[in-house]
């Protein structure tokens, strides 16, 4: 999807539908199969696999304590797939353009800028994590749970340092809040159809709970 407004709106409708209903989660999965590159939309399979494993552990705990773990796992997996698709399809400036279009040049611009910076930070963290693993391998050190904890600490500290540097750059350049984003959106009929199907999925959750 080229139009970020359609992508974010569809993601909102689908995530809400999957969260509210097990049948909604099943419909979201069908939508995901029909309108996305499917497994190619998962940019970081290891991260997605780790998130799925976490959901599976929580689902197992829910099942052991009398809850509906299967429903939880299905709904969270559907949301995970939608999130992975949005993350893979997002391009620099998408959040800024969509935020400014929706909420204006003040709040919309700032929220879009923050979301775009968060996406850039996530990309950087993934690359740094891979470099840390390669470094452990080159040094002949074992990679396991004990190595993940210090690696995570390094990633967090590095993310905080980058955020501080970015804030300093914005301050030096005179940023005080708000701004404009001159973007020309390209809305195609297939995108309208995919958004309509996403809205229909959400509507179906309320019609057939």
C-alpha atoms as a PDB file:
ATOM      1  CA  UNK A   1       0.000   0.000   0.000  1.00  0.00           C
ATOM      2  CA  UNK A   2       1.445   3.327  -1.090  1.00  0.00           C
ATOM      3  CA  UNK A   3      -0.945   5.539   0.883  1.00  0.00           C
ATOM      4  CA  UNK A   4       0.058   5.500   4.575  1.00  0.00           C
ATOM      5  CA  UNK A   5      -3.388   6.721   5.622  1.00  0.00           C
ATOM      6  CA  UNK A   6      -4.970   3.557   4.234  1.00  0.00           C
ATOM      7  CA  UNK A   7      -2.302   1.360   5.789  1.00  0.00           C
ATOM      8  CA  UNK A   8      -2.650   2.837   9.273  1.00  0.00           C
ATOM      9  CA  UNK A   9      -6.452   2.919   9.142  1.00  0.00           C
ATOM     10  CA  UNK A  10      -6.587  -0.711   8.011  1.00  0.00           C
ATOM     11  CA  UNK A  11      -4.154  -1.701  10.754  1.00  0.00           C
ATOM     12  CA  UNK A  12      -6.320   0.044  13.351  1.00  0.00           C
ATOM     13  CA  UNK A  13      -9.516  -1.650  12.161  1.00  0.00           C
ATOM     14  CA  UNK A  14      -7.885  -5.093  11.984  1.00  0.00           C
ATOM     15  CA  UNK A  15      -6.090  -4.862  15.324  1.00  0.00           C
ATOM     16  CA  UNK A  16      -9.296  -3.812  17.061  1.00  0.00           C
ATOM     17  CA  UNK A  17     -11.249  -6.623  15.393  1.00  0.00           C
ATOM     18  CA  UNK A  18      -8.660  -9.236  16.399  1.00  0.00           C
ATOM     19  CA  UNK A  19      -8.553  -7.920  19.953  1.00  0.00           C
ATOM     20  CA  UNK A  20     -12.322  -8.031  20.392  1.00  0.00           C
ATOM     21  CA  UNK A  21     -13.145 -11.446  18.955  1.00  0.00           C
ATOM     22  CA  UNK A  22     -11.653 -14.832  18.113  1.00  0.00           C
ATOM     23  CA  UNK A  23     -13.707 -14.886  14.927  1.00  0.00           C
ATOM     24  CA  UNK A  24     -12.424 -11.411  14.213  1.00  0.00           C
ATOM     25  CA  UNK A  25      -8.867 -12.712  14.557  1.00  0.00           C
ATOM     26  CA  UNK A  26      -9.647 -15.454  12.027  1.00  0.00           C
ATOM     27  CA  UNK A  27     -11.052 -12.865   9.599  1.00  0.00           C
ATOM     28  CA  UNK A  28      -7.959 -10.706  10.122  1.00  0.00           C
ATOM     29  CA  UNK A  29      -5.771 -13.650   9.198  1.00  0.00           C
ATOM     30  CA  UNK A  30      -7.761 -14.126   5.979  1.00  0.00           C
ATOM     31  CA  UNK A  31      -7.383 -10.417   5.192  1.00  0.00           C
ATOM     32  CA  UNK A  32      -3.649 -10.663   5.864  1.00  0.00           C
ATOM     33  CA  UNK A  33      -3.355 -13.571   3.428  1.00  0.00           C
ATOM     34  CA  UNK A  34      -5.305 -11.697   0.753  1.00  0.00           C
ATOM     35  CA  UNK A  35      -3.851  -8.184   0.897  1.00  0.00           C
ATOM     36  CA  UNK A  36      -0.251  -8.439   2.137  1.00  0.00           C
ATOM     37  CA  UNK A  37       2.946 -10.123   0.905  1.00  0.00           C
ATOM     38  CA  UNK A  38       2.273 -12.688   3.650  1.00  0.00           C
ATOM     39  CA  UNK A  39       5.454 -14.071   5.213  1.00  0.00           C
ATOM     40  CA  UNK A  40       7.573 -11.709   3.121  1.00  0.00           C
ATOM     41  CA  UNK A  41       6.007  -8.881   5.126  1.00  0.00           C
ATOM     42  CA  UNK A  42       7.859  -9.997   8.260  1.00  0.00           C
ATOM     43  CA  UNK A  43      11.080  -8.020   8.116  1.00  0.00           C
ATOM     44  CA  UNK A  44      12.619  -9.527  11.262  1.00  0.00           C
ATOM     45  CA  UNK A  45      11.497 -13.166  11.606  1.00  0.00           C
ATOM     46  CA  UNK A  46      13.528 -13.753  14.780  1.00  0.00           C
ATOM     47  CA  UNK A  47      11.874 -10.850  16.578  1.00  0.00           C
ATOM     48  CA  UNK A  48       8.443 -11.998  15.417  1.00  0.00           C
ATOM     49  CA  UNK A  49       9.246 -15.535  16.545  1.00  0.00           C
ATOM     50  CA  UNK A  50      10.329 -14.284  19.971  1.00  0.00           C
ATOM     51  CA  UNK A  51       7.086 -12.310  20.327  1.00  0.00           C
ATOM     52  CA  UNK A  52       5.058 -15.357  19.305  1.00  0.00           C
ATOM     53  CA  UNK A  53       6.928 -17.480  21.852  1.00  0.00           C
ATOM     54  CA  UNK A  54       6.099 -14.941  24.551  1.00  0.00           C
ATOM     55  CA  UNK A  55       2.431 -15.029  23.561  1.00  0.00           C
ATOM     56  CA  UNK A  56       2.522 -18.835  23.640  1.00  0.00           C
ATOM     57  CA  UNK A  57       3.935 -18.826  27.180  1.00  0.00           C
ATOM     58  CA  UNK A  58       1.242 -16.421  28.372  1.00  0.00           C
ATOM     59  CA  UNK A  59      -1.422 -18.516  26.615  1.00  0.00           C
ATOM     60  CA  UNK A  60      -0.158 -21.644  28.352  1.00  0.00           C
ATOM     61  CA  UNK A  61      -0.322 -19.907  31.723  1.00  0.00           C
ATOM     62  CA  UNK A  62      -3.875 -18.738  30.983  1.00  0.00           C
ATOM     63  CA  UNK A  63      -4.924 -22.257  30.027  1.00  0.00           C
ATOM     64  CA  UNK A  64      -3.444 -23.718  33.219  1.00  0.00           C
ATOM     65  CA  UNK A  65      -5.236 -21.141  35.348  1.00  0.00           C
ATOM     66  CA  UNK A  66      -8.629 -21.699  33.725  1.00  0.00           C
ATOM     67  CA  UNK A  67      -8.494 -18.970  31.075  1.00  0.00           C
ATOM     68  CA  UNK A  68      -8.930 -19.260  27.324  1.00  0.00           C
ATOM     69  CA  UNK A  69      -5.310 -19.455  26.234  1.00  0.00           C
ATOM     70  CA  UNK A  70      -6.104 -20.560  22.680  1.00  0.00           C
ATOM     71  CA  UNK A  71      -8.261 -17.491  22.069  1.00  0.00           C
ATOM     72  CA  UNK A  72      -5.573 -15.217  23.491  1.00  0.00           C
ATOM     73  CA  UNK A  73      -2.856 -16.780  21.335  1.00  0.00           C
ATOM     74  CA  UNK A  74      -4.938 -16.545  18.158  1.00  0.00           C
ATOM     75  CA  UNK A  75      -5.912 -12.916  18.752  1.00  0.00           C
ATOM     76  CA  UNK A  76      -2.409 -11.770  19.670  1.00  0.00           C
ATOM     77  CA  UNK A  77      -0.898 -13.640  16.711  1.00  0.00           C
ATOM     78  CA  UNK A  78      -3.279 -11.850  14.353  1.00  0.00           C
ATOM     79  CA  UNK A  79      -2.302  -8.502  15.860  1.00  0.00           C
ATOM     80  CA  UNK A  80       1.373  -9.454  15.573  1.00  0.00           C
ATOM     81  CA  UNK A  81       0.991 -10.251  11.862  1.00  0.00           C
ATOM     82  CA  UNK A  82      -0.756  -6.931  11.220  1.00  0.00           C
ATOM     83  CA  UNK A  83       1.937  -5.039  13.114  1.00  0.00           C
ATOM     84  CA  UNK A  84       4.715  -6.828  11.230  1.00  0.00           C
ATOM     85  CA  UNK A  85       3.069  -5.916   7.920  1.00  0.00           C
ATOM     86  CA  UNK A  86       2.718  -2.233   8.864  1.00  0.00           C
ATOM     87  CA  UNK A  87       6.326  -2.143  10.052  1.00  0.00           C
ATOM     88  CA  UNK A  88       7.628  -3.728   6.850  1.00  0.00           C
ATOM     89  CA  UNK A  89       5.567  -1.479   4.546  1.00  0.00           C
ATOM     90  CA  UNK A  90       6.308   1.792   6.346  1.00  0.00           C
ATOM     91  CA  UNK A  91       8.652   4.235   4.654  1.00  0.00           C
ATOM     92  CA  UNK A  92      10.485   7.276   6.023  1.00  0.00           C
ATOM     93  CA  UNK A  93       8.033  10.151   6.314  1.00  0.00           C
ATOM     94  CA  UNK A  94       4.863   8.049   6.366  1.00  0.00           C
ATOM     95  CA  UNK A  95       4.029   8.746  10.000  1.00  0.00           C
ATOM     96  CA  UNK A  96       4.875  12.425   9.604  1.00  0.00           C
ATOM     97  CA  UNK A  97       2.676  12.808   6.527  1.00  0.00           C
ATOM     98  CA  UNK A  98      -0.276  10.871   7.956  1.00  0.00           C
ATOM     99  CA  UNK A  99      -0.056  12.572  11.349  1.00  0.00           C
ATOM    100  CA  UNK A 100       0.025  16.058   9.856  1.00  0.00           C
ATOM    101  CA  UNK A 101      -2.886  15.221   7.552  1.00  0.00           C
ATOM    102  CA  UNK A 102      -4.985  13.857  10.415  1.00  0.00           C
ATOM    103  CA  UNK A 103      -4.197  16.128  13.370  1.00  0.00           C
ATOM    104  CA  UNK A 104      -2.732  19.245  11.819  1.00  0.00           C
ATOM    105  CA  UNK A 105       0.609  20.993  11.803  1.00  0.00           C
ATOM    106  CA  UNK A 106       1.045  21.086  15.568  1.00  0.00           C
ATOM    107  CA  UNK A 107       0.052  17.893  17.368  1.00  0.00           C
ATOM    108  CA  UNK A 108      -0.063  15.837  14.178  1.00  0.00           C
ATOM    109  CA  UNK A 109       3.401  16.902  13.055  1.00  0.00           C
ATOM    110  CA  UNK A 110       4.952  16.233  16.454  1.00  0.00           C
ATOM    111  CA  UNK A 111       3.262  12.850  16.915  1.00  0.00           C
ATOM    112  CA  UNK A 112       4.223  11.821  13.391  1.00  0.00           C
ATOM    113  CA  UNK A 113       7.804  12.891  13.938  1.00  0.00           C
ATOM    114  CA  UNK A 114       8.038  10.936  17.191  1.00  0.00           C
ATOM    115  CA  UNK A 115       6.539   7.828  15.565  1.00  0.00           C
ATOM    116  CA  UNK A 116       8.948   8.102  12.644  1.00  0.00           C
ATOM    117  CA  UNK A 117      11.904   8.465  14.988  1.00  0.00           C
ATOM    118  CA  UNK A 118      10.720   5.425  16.953  1.00  0.00           C
ATOM    119  CA  UNK A 119      10.574   3.389  13.740  1.00  0.00           C
ATOM    120  CA  UNK A 120      14.083   4.496  12.831  1.00  0.00           C
ATOM    121  CA  UNK A 121      15.283   3.573  16.320  1.00  0.00           C
ATOM    122  CA  UNK A 122      13.715   0.117  16.003  1.00  0.00           C
ATOM    123  CA  UNK A 123      15.611  -0.446  12.756  1.00  0.00           C
ATOM    124  CA  UNK A 124      18.814   0.652  14.430  1.00  0.00           C
ATOM    125  CA  UNK A 125      18.264  -1.617  17.421  1.00  0.00           C
ATOM    126  CA  UNK A 126      17.701  -4.632  15.167  1.00  0.00           C
ATOM    127  CA  UNK A 127      20.940  -3.911  13.292  1.00  0.00           C
ATOM    128  CA  UNK A 128      22.856  -3.389  16.549  1.00  0.00           C
ATOM    129  CA  UNK A 129      21.507  -6.662  17.941  1.00  0.00           C
ATOM    130  CA  UNK A 130      22.772  -8.535  14.875  1.00  0.00           C
ATOM    131  CA  UNK A 131      26.189  -6.920  15.222  1.00  0.00           C
ATOM    132  CA  UNK A 132      26.375  -7.939  18.882  1.00  0.00           C
ATOM    133  CA  UNK A 133      25.603 -11.553  17.959  1.00  0.00           C
ATOM    134  CA  UNK A 134      28.275 -11.499  15.259  1.00  0.00           C
ATOM    135  CA  UNK A 135      30.756 -10.047  17.741  1.00  0.00           C
ATOM    136  CA  UNK A 136      30.054 -12.867  20.214  1.00  0.00           C
ATOM    137  CA  UNK A 137      30.520 -15.424  17.449  1.00  0.00           C
ATOM    138  CA  UNK A 138      33.834 -13.928  16.314  1.00  0.00           C
ATOM    139  CA  UNK A 139      35.143 -13.955  19.873  1.00  0.00           C
ATOM    140  CA  UNK A 140      34.075 -17.555  20.379  1.00  0.00           C
ATOM    141  CA  UNK A 141      31.720 -16.654  23.209  1.00  0.00           C
ATOM    142  CA  UNK A 142      28.500 -18.636  23.765  1.00  0.00           C
ATOM    143  CA  UNK A 143      25.263 -16.926  22.759  1.00  0.00           C
ATOM    144  CA  UNK A 144      22.331 -17.616  25.036  1.00  0.00           C
ATOM    145  CA  UNK A 145      20.019 -16.174  27.651  1.00  0.00           C
ATOM    146  CA  UNK A 146      22.934 -14.871  29.740  1.00  0.00           C
ATOM    147  CA  UNK A 147      24.275 -12.991  26.736  1.00  0.00           C
ATOM    148  CA  UNK A 148      20.904 -11.467  25.843  1.00  0.00           C
ATOM    149  CA  UNK A 149      20.615  -9.552  29.134  1.00  0.00           C
ATOM    150  CA  UNK A 150      23.861  -7.544  28.800  1.00  0.00           C
ATOM    151  CA  UNK A 151      23.165  -7.097  25.079  1.00  0.00           C
ATOM    152  CA  UNK A 152      19.748  -5.654  25.920  1.00  0.00           C
ATOM    153  CA  UNK A 153      21.352  -3.301  28.418  1.00  0.00           C
ATOM    154  CA  UNK A 154      23.748  -2.061  25.733  1.00  0.00           C
ATOM    155  CA  UNK A 155      20.876  -1.559  23.272  1.00  0.00           C
ATOM    156  CA  UNK A 156      18.819   0.443  25.784  1.00  0.00           C
ATOM    157  CA  UNK A 157      21.731   2.685  26.707  1.00  0.00           C
ATOM    158  CA  UNK A 158      22.560   3.231  23.040  1.00  0.00           C
ATOM    159  CA  UNK A 159      18.918   4.105  22.239  1.00  0.00           C
ATOM    160  CA  UNK A 160      18.864   6.665  25.059  1.00  0.00           C
ATOM    161  CA  UNK A 161      22.115   8.166  23.813  1.00  0.00           C
ATOM    162  CA  UNK A 162      20.756   8.471  20.286  1.00  0.00           C
ATOM    163  CA  UNK A 163      17.564  10.105  21.560  1.00  0.00           C
ATOM    164  CA  UNK A 164      19.593  12.670  23.489  1.00  0.00           C
ATOM    165  CA  UNK A 165      21.725  13.421  20.434  1.00  0.00           C
ATOM    166  CA  UNK A 166      18.633  13.829  18.255  1.00  0.00           C
ATOM    167  CA  UNK A 167      17.081  16.229  20.759  1.00  0.00           C
ATOM    168  CA  UNK A 168      20.274  18.287  20.766  1.00  0.00           C
ATOM    169  CA  UNK A 169      20.323  18.444  16.974  1.00  0.00           C
ATOM    170  CA  UNK A 170      16.682  19.615  16.870  1.00  0.00           C
ATOM    171  CA  UNK A 171      17.398  22.266  19.502  1.00  0.00           C
ATOM    172  CA  UNK A 172      20.471  23.527  17.641  1.00  0.00           C
ATOM    173  CA  UNK A 173      18.464  23.804  14.429  1.00  0.00           C
ATOM    174  CA  UNK A 174      15.867  25.904  16.217  1.00  0.00           C
ATOM    175  CA  UNK A 175      12.957  23.475  16.420  1.00  0.00           C
ATOM    176  CA  UNK A 176      10.298  24.691  18.841  1.00  0.00           C
ATOM    177  CA  UNK A 177       7.289  22.565  17.881  1.00  0.00           C
ATOM    178  CA  UNK A 178       4.993  21.966  14.952  1.00  0.00           C
ATOM    179  CA  UNK A 179       5.700  22.041  11.267  1.00  0.00           C
ATOM    180  CA  UNK A 180       4.338  21.179   7.849  1.00  0.00           C
ATOM    181  CA  UNK A 181       4.632  18.114   5.639  1.00  0.00           C
ATOM    182  CA  UNK A 182       3.907  18.703   1.956  1.00  0.00           C
ATOM    183  CA  UNK A 183       2.906  15.226   0.847  1.00  0.00           C
ATOM    184  CA  UNK A 184       0.872  14.138  -2.156  1.00  0.00           C
ATOM    185  CA  UNK A 185      -1.036  10.967  -1.331  1.00  0.00           C
ATOM    186  CA  UNK A 186      -1.741   8.453  -4.058  1.00  0.00           C
ATOM    187  CA  UNK A 187      -4.929   6.557  -3.341  1.00  0.00           C
ATOM    188  CA  UNK A 188      -5.641   3.656  -5.698  1.00  0.00           C
ATOM    189  CA  UNK A 189      -8.856   1.599  -6.093  1.00  0.00           C
ATOM    190  CA  UNK A 190      -7.211  -1.611  -4.745  1.00  0.00           C
ATOM    191  CA  UNK A 191      -6.241   0.273  -1.608  1.00  0.00           C
ATOM    192  CA  UNK A 192      -9.790   1.544  -1.163  1.00  0.00           C
ATOM    193  CA  UNK A 193     -11.057  -2.012  -1.557  1.00  0.00           C
ATOM    194  CA  UNK A 194      -8.601  -3.399   1.000  1.00  0.00           C
ATOM    195  CA  UNK A 195      -9.584  -0.680   3.480  1.00  0.00           C
ATOM    196  CA  UNK A 196     -13.269  -1.403   2.917  1.00  0.00           C
ATOM    197  CA  UNK A 197     -12.626  -5.088   3.619  1.00  0.00           C
ATOM    198  CA  UNK A 198     -10.771  -4.196   6.820  1.00  0.00           C
ATOM    199  CA  UNK A 199     -13.692  -2.021   7.917  1.00  0.00           C
ATOM    200  CA  UNK A 200     -16.057  -4.877   7.082  1.00  0.00           C
ATOM    201  CA  UNK A 201     -14.023  -7.198   9.302  1.00  0.00           C
ATOM    202  CA  UNK A 202     -14.397  -4.806  12.220  1.00  0.00           C
ATOM    203  CA  UNK A 203     -18.098  -4.308  11.535  1.00  0.00           C
ATOM    204  CA  UNK A 204     -18.581  -8.071  11.423  1.00  0.00           C
ATOM    205  CA  UNK A 205     -17.216  -8.367  14.952  1.00  0.00           C
ATOM    206  CA  UNK A 206     -20.104  -6.218  16.241  1.00  0.00           C
ATOM    207  CA  UNK A 207     -22.725  -7.803  13.989  1.00  0.00           C
ATOM    208  CA  UNK A 208     -21.641 -11.414  14.736  1.00  0.00           C
ATOM    209  CA  UNK A 209     -19.960 -11.287  18.181  1.00  0.00           C
END
